[in-house]
Amino acid sequence: MIAPATQRLGILARWYAEPLSRDEAESLLALSQRREQERLKRHGKAYLSPLLKLIALHWLGEATDGHYHYLRSQQANARHLQILTPLLYGQLLMSKRISGATDYLDEAFHQARLLLRPEDYFMLMKRHQILKRIPLSDRATPGETLELLLTTGKVIARMEEGRGERPGFWHDPNDTYG
């Protein structure tokens, strides 16, 4: 669920949208429901369980828009949770290259910027710059890992730099050796 390369980072800088198989998503959904029930039995508010449910529903192919808006409507006192909700949703949309993903990522980054450690801040800023190069659409693609998304974004950036050509390359047609 969490991208291996981001596990050492702070909670607001991690990538939570690694693709899950159907079995993994169903297990995560069951876990989120168990945790929510346990919290309710103790008269507590379940904060992370609804986020786990959002992840599970996304990878099960269910509509997550309604659940996301429900989470946003809840007045959570936890500042990190207010940031994690759009961050997680943006990551899930980005993993399937769905339009609007960068808006959610930008919103979360703007809210998180003062809470991030310096190394997390710069890493997250760079990640978002790379991801913004990826074309998004209304049609979902199969889920992609963070590593694959970043590779795609970097390739697009390189192609944009040279417009698909090798910079400074000139071939002399009379040069048959070179």
C-alpha atoms as a PDB file:
ATOM      1  CA  MET A   1       0.000   0.000   0.000  1.00  0.00           C
ATOM      2  CA  ILE A   2       2.821   2.444   0.810  1.00  0.00           C
ATOM      3  CA  ALA A   3       5.481   2.847  -1.860  1.00  0.00           C
ATOM      4  CA  PRO A   4       8.708   1.273  -0.557  1.00  0.00           C
ATOM      5  CA  ALA A   5      10.788   4.319  -1.486  1.00  0.00           C
ATOM      6  CA  THR A   6       8.597   6.562   0.695  1.00  0.00           C
ATOM      7  CA  GLN A   7       8.380   4.441   3.859  1.00  0.00           C
ATOM      8  CA  ARG A   8      11.219   6.341   5.544  1.00  0.00           C
ATOM      9  CA  LEU A   9       9.482   9.684   4.982  1.00  0.00           C
ATOM     10  CA  GLY A  10       7.063  11.487   7.268  1.00  0.00           C
ATOM     11  CA  ILE A  11       3.372  10.579   7.156  1.00  0.00           C
ATOM     12  CA  LEU A  12       2.487  13.541   4.900  1.00  0.00           C
ATOM     13  CA  ALA A  13       5.214  12.753   2.360  1.00  0.00           C
ATOM     14  CA  ARG A  14       4.502   9.067   1.815  1.00  0.00           C
ATOM     15  CA  TRP A  15       2.848   7.595  -1.272  1.00  0.00           C
ATOM     16  CA  TYR A  16      -0.226   5.573  -0.296  1.00  0.00           C
ATOM     17  CA  ALA A  17      -1.560   4.674  -3.732  1.00  0.00           C
ATOM     18  CA  GLU A  18       0.456   1.633  -4.721  1.00  0.00           C
ATOM     19  CA  PRO A  19      -1.837  -0.696  -6.699  1.00  0.00           C
ATOM     20  CA  LEU A  20      -3.543  -3.483  -4.775  1.00  0.00           C
ATOM     21  CA  SER A  21      -4.880  -6.776  -6.073  1.00  0.00           C
ATOM     22  CA  ARG A  22      -8.564  -7.506  -5.576  1.00  0.00           C
ATOM     23  CA  ASP A  23      -7.753  -9.831  -2.645  1.00  0.00           C
ATOM     24  CA  GLU A  24      -5.523  -7.210  -1.000  1.00  0.00           C
ATOM     25  CA  ALA A  25      -8.186  -4.535  -1.440  1.00  0.00           C
ATOM     26  CA  GLU A  26     -10.879  -6.787   0.030  1.00  0.00           C
ATOM     27  CA  SER A  27      -8.646  -7.564   3.024  1.00  0.00           C
ATOM     28  CA  LEU A  28      -7.987  -3.855   3.506  1.00  0.00           C
ATOM     29  CA  LEU A  29     -11.709  -3.100   3.365  1.00  0.00           C
ATOM     30  CA  ALA A  30     -12.414  -5.776   5.980  1.00  0.00           C
ATOM     31  CA  LEU A  31      -9.623  -4.386   8.170  1.00  0.00           C
ATOM     32  CA  SER A  32     -10.993  -0.853   7.917  1.00  0.00           C
ATOM     33  CA  GLN A  33     -14.476  -2.045   8.863  1.00  0.00           C
ATOM     34  CA  ARG A  34     -13.137  -4.007  11.870  1.00  0.00           C
ATOM     35  CA  ARG A  35     -11.130  -1.015  13.083  1.00  0.00           C
ATOM     36  CA  GLU A  36     -14.099   1.307  12.683  1.00  0.00           C
ATOM     37  CA  GLN A  37     -16.344  -1.053  14.668  1.00  0.00           C
ATOM     38  CA  GLU A  38     -13.734  -1.372  17.430  1.00  0.00           C
ATOM     39  CA  ARG A  39     -13.473   2.406  17.692  1.00  0.00           C
ATOM     40  CA  LEU A  40     -17.222   2.853  17.794  1.00  0.00           C
ATOM     41  CA  LYS A  41     -17.517   0.282  20.589  1.00  0.00           C
ATOM     42  CA  ARG A  42     -15.115   2.395  22.633  1.00  0.00           C
ATOM     43  CA  HIS A  43     -17.064   5.574  21.786  1.00  0.00           C
ATOM     44  CA  GLY A  44     -14.150   6.912  19.832  1.00  0.00           C
ATOM     45  CA  LYS A  45     -13.910   8.515  16.421  1.00  0.00           C
ATOM     46  CA  ALA A  46     -12.281   6.371  13.742  1.00  0.00           C
ATOM     47  CA  TYR A  47      -9.880   8.627  11.867  1.00  0.00           C
ATOM     48  CA  LEU A  48      -7.704   6.347   9.779  1.00  0.00           C
ATOM     49  CA  SER A  49     -10.243   3.597   9.077  1.00  0.00           C
ATOM     50  CA  PRO A  50     -12.203   5.749   6.596  1.00  0.00           C
ATOM     51  CA  LEU A  51      -8.959   6.489   4.736  1.00  0.00           C
ATOM     52  CA  LEU A  52      -8.200   2.768   4.516  1.00  0.00           C
ATOM     53  CA  LYS A  53     -11.731   2.275   3.206  1.00  0.00           C
ATOM     54  CA  LEU A  54     -11.133   4.935   0.540  1.00  0.00           C
ATOM     55  CA  ILE A  55      -8.018   3.093  -0.636  1.00  0.00           C
ATOM     56  CA  ALA A  56      -9.797  -0.267  -0.669  1.00  0.00           C
ATOM     57  CA  LEU A  57     -12.837   1.041  -2.551  1.00  0.00           C
ATOM     58  CA  HIS A  58     -10.597   2.661  -5.146  1.00  0.00           C
ATOM     59  CA  TRP A  59      -8.750  -0.568  -5.901  1.00  0.00           C
ATOM     60  CA  LEU A  60     -11.987  -2.541  -5.921  1.00  0.00           C
ATOM     61  CA  GLY A  61     -13.183  -0.278  -8.728  1.00  0.00           C
ATOM     62  CA  GLU A  62     -15.964   1.275  -6.659  1.00  0.00           C
ATOM     63  CA  ALA A  63     -16.961   4.920  -6.942  1.00  0.00           C
ATOM     64  CA  THR A  64     -14.957   6.824  -4.329  1.00  0.00           C
ATOM     65  CA  ASP A  65     -16.092  10.372  -5.020  1.00  0.00           C
ATOM     66  CA  GLY A  66     -18.988  10.209  -2.557  1.00  0.00           C
ATOM     67  CA  HIS A  67     -16.846   8.677   0.188  1.00  0.00           C
ATOM     68  CA  TYR A  68     -14.173  11.324  -0.358  1.00  0.00           C
ATOM     69  CA  HIS A  69     -16.695  14.169  -0.053  1.00  0.00           C
ATOM     70  CA  TYR A  70     -18.162  12.553   3.062  1.00  0.00           C
ATOM     71  CA  LEU A  71     -14.678  12.459   4.627  1.00  0.00           C
ATOM     72  CA  ARG A  72     -14.120  16.116   3.734  1.00  0.00           C
ATOM     73  CA  SER A  73     -17.450  17.096   5.271  1.00  0.00           C
ATOM     74  CA  GLN A  74     -16.449  15.632   8.621  1.00  0.00           C
ATOM     75  CA  GLN A  75     -14.969  18.290  10.852  1.00  0.00           C
ATOM     76  CA  ALA A  76     -11.844  16.502  12.024  1.00  0.00           C
ATOM     77  CA  ASN A  77      -9.731  18.174  14.665  1.00  0.00           C
ATOM     78  CA  ALA A  78      -6.636  16.329  13.513  1.00  0.00           C
ATOM     79  CA  ARG A  79      -4.736  18.623  11.143  1.00  0.00           C
ATOM     80  CA  HIS A  80      -2.849  15.713   9.601  1.00  0.00           C
ATOM     81  CA  LEU A  81      -6.126  13.999   8.741  1.00  0.00           C
ATOM     82  CA  GLN A  82      -7.421  17.138   7.025  1.00  0.00           C
ATOM     83  CA  ILE A  83      -4.297  17.059   4.861  1.00  0.00           C
ATOM     84  CA  LEU A  84      -4.153  13.293   4.347  1.00  0.00           C
ATOM     85  CA  THR A  85      -7.657  13.130   2.879  1.00  0.00           C
ATOM     86  CA  PRO A  86      -7.008  15.214  -0.283  1.00  0.00           C
ATOM     87  CA  LEU A  87      -3.427  13.904  -0.483  1.00  0.00           C
ATOM     88  CA  LEU A  88      -4.574  10.309  -0.501  1.00  0.00           C
ATOM     89  CA  TYR A  89      -7.409  10.993  -2.928  1.00  0.00           C
ATOM     90  CA  GLY A  90      -5.079  12.839  -5.302  1.00  0.00           C
ATOM     91  CA  GLN A  91      -2.586   9.977  -5.167  1.00  0.00           C
ATOM     92  CA  LEU A  92      -5.290   7.432  -5.924  1.00  0.00           C
ATOM     93  CA  LEU A  93      -6.500   9.469  -8.901  1.00  0.00           C
ATOM     94  CA  MET A  94      -2.917   9.941 -10.107  1.00  0.00           C
ATOM     95  CA  SER A  95      -2.228   6.212  -9.884  1.00  0.00           C
ATOM     96  CA  LYS A  96      -4.907   5.707 -12.545  1.00  0.00           C
ATOM     97  CA  ARG A  97      -4.111   8.979 -14.366  1.00  0.00           C
ATOM     98  CA  ILE A  98      -7.530  10.496 -13.720  1.00  0.00           C
ATOM     99  CA  SER A  99      -8.144  14.210 -14.317  1.00  0.00           C
ATOM    100  CA  GLY A 100      -8.127  16.386 -11.221  1.00  0.00           C
ATOM    101  CA  ALA A 101      -5.409  14.425  -9.446  1.00  0.00           C
ATOM    102  CA  THR A 102      -2.922  17.295  -9.447  1.00  0.00           C
ATOM    103  CA  ASP A 103      -5.521  19.674  -7.979  1.00  0.00           C
ATOM    104  CA  TYR A 104      -5.886  17.445  -4.910  1.00  0.00           C
ATOM    105  CA  LEU A 105      -2.122  16.936  -4.648  1.00  0.00           C
ATOM    106  CA  ASP A 106      -1.556  20.705  -4.848  1.00  0.00           C
ATOM    107  CA  GLU A 107      -4.202  21.371  -2.205  1.00  0.00           C
ATOM    108  CA  ALA A 108      -2.642  18.850   0.171  1.00  0.00           C
ATOM    109  CA  PHE A 109       0.887  20.151  -0.465  1.00  0.00           C
ATOM    110  CA  HIS A 110      -0.239  23.714   0.211  1.00  0.00           C
ATOM    111  CA  GLN A 111      -1.791  22.658   3.526  1.00  0.00           C
ATOM    112  CA  ALA A 112       1.152  20.451   4.512  1.00  0.00           C
ATOM    113  CA  ARG A 113       4.038  22.712   3.542  1.00  0.00           C
ATOM    114  CA  LEU A 114       4.527  24.203   7.015  1.00  0.00           C
ATOM    115  CA  LEU A 115       4.300  20.816   8.748  1.00  0.00           C
ATOM    116  CA  LEU A 116       6.839  18.979   6.588  1.00  0.00           C
ATOM    117  CA  ARG A 117      10.456  18.392   7.493  1.00  0.00           C
ATOM    118  CA  PRO A 118      12.760  20.196   5.021  1.00  0.00           C
ATOM    119  CA  GLU A 119      13.852  16.979   3.304  1.00  0.00           C
ATOM    120  CA  ASP A 120      10.218  15.851   2.960  1.00  0.00           C
ATOM    121  CA  TYR A 121       9.201  19.266   1.643  1.00  0.00           C
ATOM    122  CA  PHE A 122      11.735  19.294  -1.182  1.00  0.00           C
ATOM    123  CA  MET A 123      11.185  15.631  -2.065  1.00  0.00           C
ATOM    124  CA  LEU A 124       7.404  16.153  -2.216  1.00  0.00           C
ATOM    125  CA  MET A 125       7.768  19.333  -4.258  1.00  0.00           C
ATOM    126  CA  LYS A 126      10.001  17.549  -6.767  1.00  0.00           C
ATOM    127  CA  ARG A 127       7.643  14.550  -6.932  1.00  0.00           C
ATOM    128  CA  HIS A 128       4.652  16.771  -7.667  1.00  0.00           C
ATOM    129  CA  GLN A 129       6.561  18.660 -10.366  1.00  0.00           C
ATOM    130  CA  ILE A 130       7.361  15.377 -12.109  1.00  0.00           C
ATOM    131  CA  LEU A 131       3.816  14.028 -11.754  1.00  0.00           C
ATOM    132  CA  LYS A 132       2.337  17.215 -13.235  1.00  0.00           C
ATOM    133  CA  ARG A 133       3.930  16.312 -16.577  1.00  0.00           C
ATOM    134  CA  ILE A 134       1.832  13.155 -16.902  1.00  0.00           C
ATOM    135  CA  PRO A 135      -1.230  13.603 -19.110  1.00  0.00           C
ATOM    136  CA  LEU A 136      -4.493  12.859 -17.279  1.00  0.00           C
ATOM    137  CA  SER A 137      -7.942  12.039 -18.638  1.00  0.00           C
ATOM    138  CA  ASP A 138     -11.476  11.272 -17.532  1.00  0.00           C
ATOM    139  CA  ARG A 139     -10.940   7.607 -18.338  1.00  0.00           C
ATOM    140  CA  ALA A 140      -9.060   5.612 -15.734  1.00  0.00           C
ATOM    141  CA  THR A 141      -6.047   3.562 -16.769  1.00  0.00           C
ATOM    142  CA  PRO A 142      -4.838   0.460 -14.918  1.00  0.00           C
ATOM    143  CA  GLY A 143      -3.153   1.452 -11.655  1.00  0.00           C
ATOM    144  CA  GLU A 144       0.525   2.297 -11.775  1.00  0.00           C
ATOM    145  CA  THR A 145       3.169   2.310  -9.066  1.00  0.00           C
ATOM    146  CA  LEU A 146       4.814   5.536  -7.960  1.00  0.00           C
ATOM    147  CA  GLU A 147       8.072   4.355  -9.513  1.00  0.00           C
ATOM    148  CA  LEU A 148       6.437   3.878 -12.921  1.00  0.00           C
ATOM    149  CA  LEU A 149       4.608   7.218 -12.703  1.00  0.00           C
ATOM    150  CA  LEU A 150       7.836   9.047 -11.860  1.00  0.00           C
ATOM    151  CA  THR A 151       9.695   7.312 -14.675  1.00  0.00           C
ATOM    152  CA  THR A 152       6.962   8.315 -17.115  1.00  0.00           C
ATOM    153  CA  GLY A 153       7.016  11.908 -15.877  1.00  0.00           C
ATOM    154  CA  LYS A 154      10.794  12.095 -16.221  1.00  0.00           C
ATOM    155  CA  VAL A 155      10.717  10.694 -19.750  1.00  0.00           C
ATOM    156  CA  ILE A 156       8.073  13.243 -20.740  1.00  0.00           C
ATOM    157  CA  ALA A 157      10.203  16.019 -19.227  1.00  0.00           C
ATOM    158  CA  ARG A 158      13.253  14.876 -21.203  1.00  0.00           C
ATOM    159  CA  MET A 159      11.256  14.738 -24.410  1.00  0.00           C
ATOM    160  CA  GLU A 160       9.899  18.233 -23.795  1.00  0.00           C
ATOM    161  CA  GLU A 161      13.415  19.570 -23.197  1.00  0.00           C
ATOM    162  CA  GLY A 162      14.754  18.333 -26.525  1.00  0.00           C
ATOM    163  CA  ARG A 163      11.424  18.253 -28.325  1.00  0.00           C
ATOM    164  CA  GLY A 164      12.172  14.612 -28.996  1.00  0.00           C
ATOM    165  CA  GLU A 165      15.542  15.351 -30.605  1.00  0.00           C
ATOM    166  CA  ARG A 166      19.043  14.904 -29.288  1.00  0.00           C
ATOM    167  CA  PRO A 167      20.200  18.402 -28.390  1.00  0.00           C
ATOM    168  CA  GLY A 168      23.196  19.724 -30.318  1.00  0.00           C
ATOM    169  CA  PHE A 169      23.383  16.767 -32.680  1.00  0.00           C
ATOM    170  CA  TRP A 170      24.292  17.466 -36.274  1.00  0.00           C
ATOM    171  CA  HIS A 171      25.035  14.843 -38.850  1.00  0.00           C
ATOM    172  CA  ASP A 172      27.156  15.565 -41.888  1.00  0.00           C
ATOM    173  CA  PRO A 173      25.665  13.572 -44.775  1.00  0.00           C
ATOM    174  CA  ASN A 174      29.139  13.339 -46.379  1.00  0.00           C
ATOM    175  CA  ASP A 175      30.516  11.613 -43.273  1.00  0.00           C
ATOM    176  CA  THR A 176      30.023   7.908 -43.974  1.00  0.00           C
ATOM    177  CA  TYR A 177      32.027   6.793 -40.935  1.00  0.00           C
ATOM    178  CA  GLY A 178      30.263   8.635 -38.294  1.00  0.00           C
END
